[in-house]
Structure formats: C-alpha cells, structure tokens
C-alpha cells in the first residue's frame, strides 16, 4: 500500500504528516522506487548509521549526499519487508 495524498483508506496516515511521509518512504524503498524515495528528502536532511562498519560513513548530510550513497542500494540488498 502506498501512503500518498490520493489514498482513500481510512487507516492510511495523510502524506502531509511525519508518519505518512515515513510510511510512504518505506513503501517506495520496498518498491525499489529510489528516485521517488529521494524526492521525499529535504535538502538539509541527515542520514545516520550508528552501527556502520569501519570505513563506512556514520553520517550523511544533505539530500545530494544521501542520494549519492544510496543510489546503488537495490543492487546490494533486496528488501522485501520492513516490520
């Protein structure tokens, strides 16, 4: 299920709420719609990896940095569910 502004399900949070944007992002990642997922990010957004292995970044700052780092994620991991 996609949580967007056109959703008519009563239990779907509005896309304009933090929960709605989060759920929409999860749906986009699972659908491997990376470009649409990146579009949800604010220009100054920050992504942190508190358990990053040595040599990997612990923090990405800015939409461009997140996009550059995550572009190939579908080639490295096949997400089928995020409980």
C-alpha atoms as a PDB file:
ATOM      1  CA  UNK A   1       0.000   0.000   0.000  1.00  0.00           C
ATOM      2  CA  UNK A   2       1.256   3.442  -0.831  1.00  0.00           C
ATOM      3  CA  UNK A   3       0.606   6.230   1.628  1.00  0.00           C
ATOM      4  CA  UNK A   4       0.082   9.243  -0.559  1.00  0.00           C
ATOM      5  CA  UNK A   5      -2.393  12.065  -0.806  1.00  0.00           C
ATOM      6  CA  UNK A   6      -4.636  10.046  -3.119  1.00  0.00           C
ATOM      7  CA  UNK A   7      -5.084   7.222  -0.627  1.00  0.00           C
ATOM      8  CA  UNK A   8      -8.685   6.630   0.350  1.00  0.00           C
ATOM      9  CA  UNK A   9      -8.126   4.051   3.097  1.00  0.00           C
ATOM     10  CA  UNK A  10      -9.305   5.329   6.431  1.00  0.00           C
ATOM     11  CA  UNK A  11      -6.296   3.862   8.237  1.00  0.00           C
ATOM     12  CA  UNK A  12      -3.683   5.436   5.934  1.00  0.00           C
ATOM     13  CA  UNK A  13      -1.973   8.411   7.559  1.00  0.00           C
ATOM     14  CA  UNK A  14      -2.025  11.565   5.446  1.00  0.00           C
ATOM     15  CA  UNK A  15       1.139  12.039   3.379  1.00  0.00           C
ATOM     16  CA  UNK A  16       1.454  15.502   4.929  1.00  0.00           C
ATOM     17  CA  UNK A  17       2.159  14.048   8.392  1.00  0.00           C
ATOM     18  CA  UNK A  18       5.549  12.740   9.574  1.00  0.00           C
ATOM     19  CA  UNK A  19       4.080   9.235   9.880  1.00  0.00           C
ATOM     20  CA  UNK A  20       2.589   9.442   6.399  1.00  0.00           C
ATOM     21  CA  UNK A  21       5.883  10.535   4.847  1.00  0.00           C
ATOM     22  CA  UNK A  22       7.746   7.795   6.748  1.00  0.00           C
ATOM     23  CA  UNK A  23       5.304   5.108   5.605  1.00  0.00           C
ATOM     24  CA  UNK A  24       5.402   6.412   2.042  1.00  0.00           C
ATOM     25  CA  UNK A  25       9.199   6.217   2.171  1.00  0.00           C
ATOM     26  CA  UNK A  26       9.062   2.589   3.355  1.00  0.00           C
ATOM     27  CA  UNK A  27       6.664   1.725   0.530  1.00  0.00           C
ATOM     28  CA  UNK A  28       8.937   3.387  -2.026  1.00  0.00           C
ATOM     29  CA  UNK A  29      12.027   1.542  -0.744  1.00  0.00           C
ATOM     30  CA  UNK A  30      10.199  -1.793  -0.913  1.00  0.00           C
ATOM     31  CA  UNK A  31       9.005  -0.982  -4.443  1.00  0.00           C
ATOM     32  CA  UNK A  32      12.597  -0.049  -5.360  1.00  0.00           C
ATOM     33  CA  UNK A  33      11.429   3.392  -6.492  1.00  0.00           C
ATOM     34  CA  UNK A  34      14.635   5.059  -5.402  1.00  0.00           C
ATOM     35  CA  UNK A  35      14.145   8.350  -7.298  1.00  0.00           C
ATOM     36  CA  UNK A  36      10.748   8.869  -5.657  1.00  0.00           C
ATOM     37  CA  UNK A  37      12.241   7.972  -2.252  1.00  0.00           C
ATOM     38  CA  UNK A  38      14.986  10.587  -2.669  1.00  0.00           C
ATOM     39  CA  UNK A  39      12.334  13.157  -3.612  1.00  0.00           C
ATOM     40  CA  UNK A  40      10.945  12.824  -0.065  1.00  0.00           C
ATOM     41  CA  UNK A  41      14.220  14.081   1.422  1.00  0.00           C
ATOM     42  CA  UNK A  42      14.719  17.690   2.475  1.00  0.00           C
ATOM     43  CA  UNK A  43      17.789  19.420   1.037  1.00  0.00           C
ATOM     44  CA  UNK A  44      19.365  19.531   4.503  1.00  0.00           C
ATOM     45  CA  UNK A  45      18.278  16.026   5.548  1.00  0.00           C
ATOM     46  CA  UNK A  46      20.663  13.850   7.564  1.00  0.00           C
ATOM     47  CA  UNK A  47      21.007  10.062   7.471  1.00  0.00           C
ATOM     48  CA  UNK A  48      22.934   8.372  10.262  1.00  0.00           C
ATOM     49  CA  UNK A  49      24.334   4.858  10.501  1.00  0.00           C
ATOM     50  CA  UNK A  50      25.102   4.290  14.203  1.00  0.00           C
ATOM     51  CA  UNK A  51      26.430   0.765  13.552  1.00  0.00           C
ATOM     52  CA  UNK A  52      28.383   1.454  10.362  1.00  0.00           C
ATOM     53  CA  UNK A  53      31.329  -0.863   9.819  1.00  0.00           C
ATOM     54  CA  UNK A  54      34.858   0.559   9.768  1.00  0.00           C
ATOM     55  CA  UNK A  55      35.465   2.618   6.644  1.00  0.00           C
ATOM     56  CA  UNK A  56      31.772   3.285   6.006  1.00  0.00           C
ATOM     57  CA  UNK A  57      30.230   6.684   6.724  1.00  0.00           C
ATOM     58  CA  UNK A  58      28.422   7.162  10.018  1.00  0.00           C
ATOM     59  CA  UNK A  59      26.585  10.291   8.855  1.00  0.00           C
ATOM     60  CA  UNK A  60      25.465  11.721   5.528  1.00  0.00           C
ATOM     61  CA  UNK A  61      24.482  15.376   5.401  1.00  0.00           C
ATOM     62  CA  UNK A  62      22.258  16.751   2.657  1.00  0.00           C
ATOM     63  CA  UNK A  63      19.943  15.262   0.054  1.00  0.00           C
ATOM     64  CA  UNK A  64      22.742  15.019  -2.543  1.00  0.00           C
ATOM     65  CA  UNK A  65      24.980  13.024  -0.184  1.00  0.00           C
ATOM     66  CA  UNK A  66      22.154  10.641   0.724  1.00  0.00           C
ATOM     67  CA  UNK A  67      21.296  10.205  -2.944  1.00  0.00           C
ATOM     68  CA  UNK A  68      24.895   9.529  -3.968  1.00  0.00           C
ATOM     69  CA  UNK A  69      25.387   6.974  -1.203  1.00  0.00           C
ATOM     70  CA  UNK A  70      22.044   5.179  -1.618  1.00  0.00           C
ATOM     71  CA  UNK A  71      21.815   5.116  -5.426  1.00  0.00           C
ATOM     72  CA  UNK A  72      23.045   1.536  -5.714  1.00  0.00           C
ATOM     73  CA  UNK A  73      21.188   0.133  -2.708  1.00  0.00           C
ATOM     74  CA  UNK A  74      18.847  -2.043  -4.847  1.00  0.00           C
ATOM     75  CA  UNK A  75      21.941  -3.737  -6.320  1.00  0.00           C
ATOM     76  CA  UNK A  76      23.238  -4.642  -2.840  1.00  0.00           C
ATOM     77  CA  UNK A  77      20.163  -5.540  -0.814  1.00  0.00           C
ATOM     78  CA  UNK A  78      16.739  -6.890  -1.720  1.00  0.00           C
ATOM     79  CA  UNK A  79      14.289  -5.566   0.835  1.00  0.00           C
ATOM     80  CA  UNK A  80      11.014  -7.475   0.852  1.00  0.00           C
ATOM     81  CA  UNK A  81       9.583  -6.242   4.148  1.00  0.00           C
ATOM     82  CA  UNK A  82      10.295  -3.752   6.888  1.00  0.00           C
ATOM     83  CA  UNK A  83       8.353  -4.763  10.005  1.00  0.00           C
END
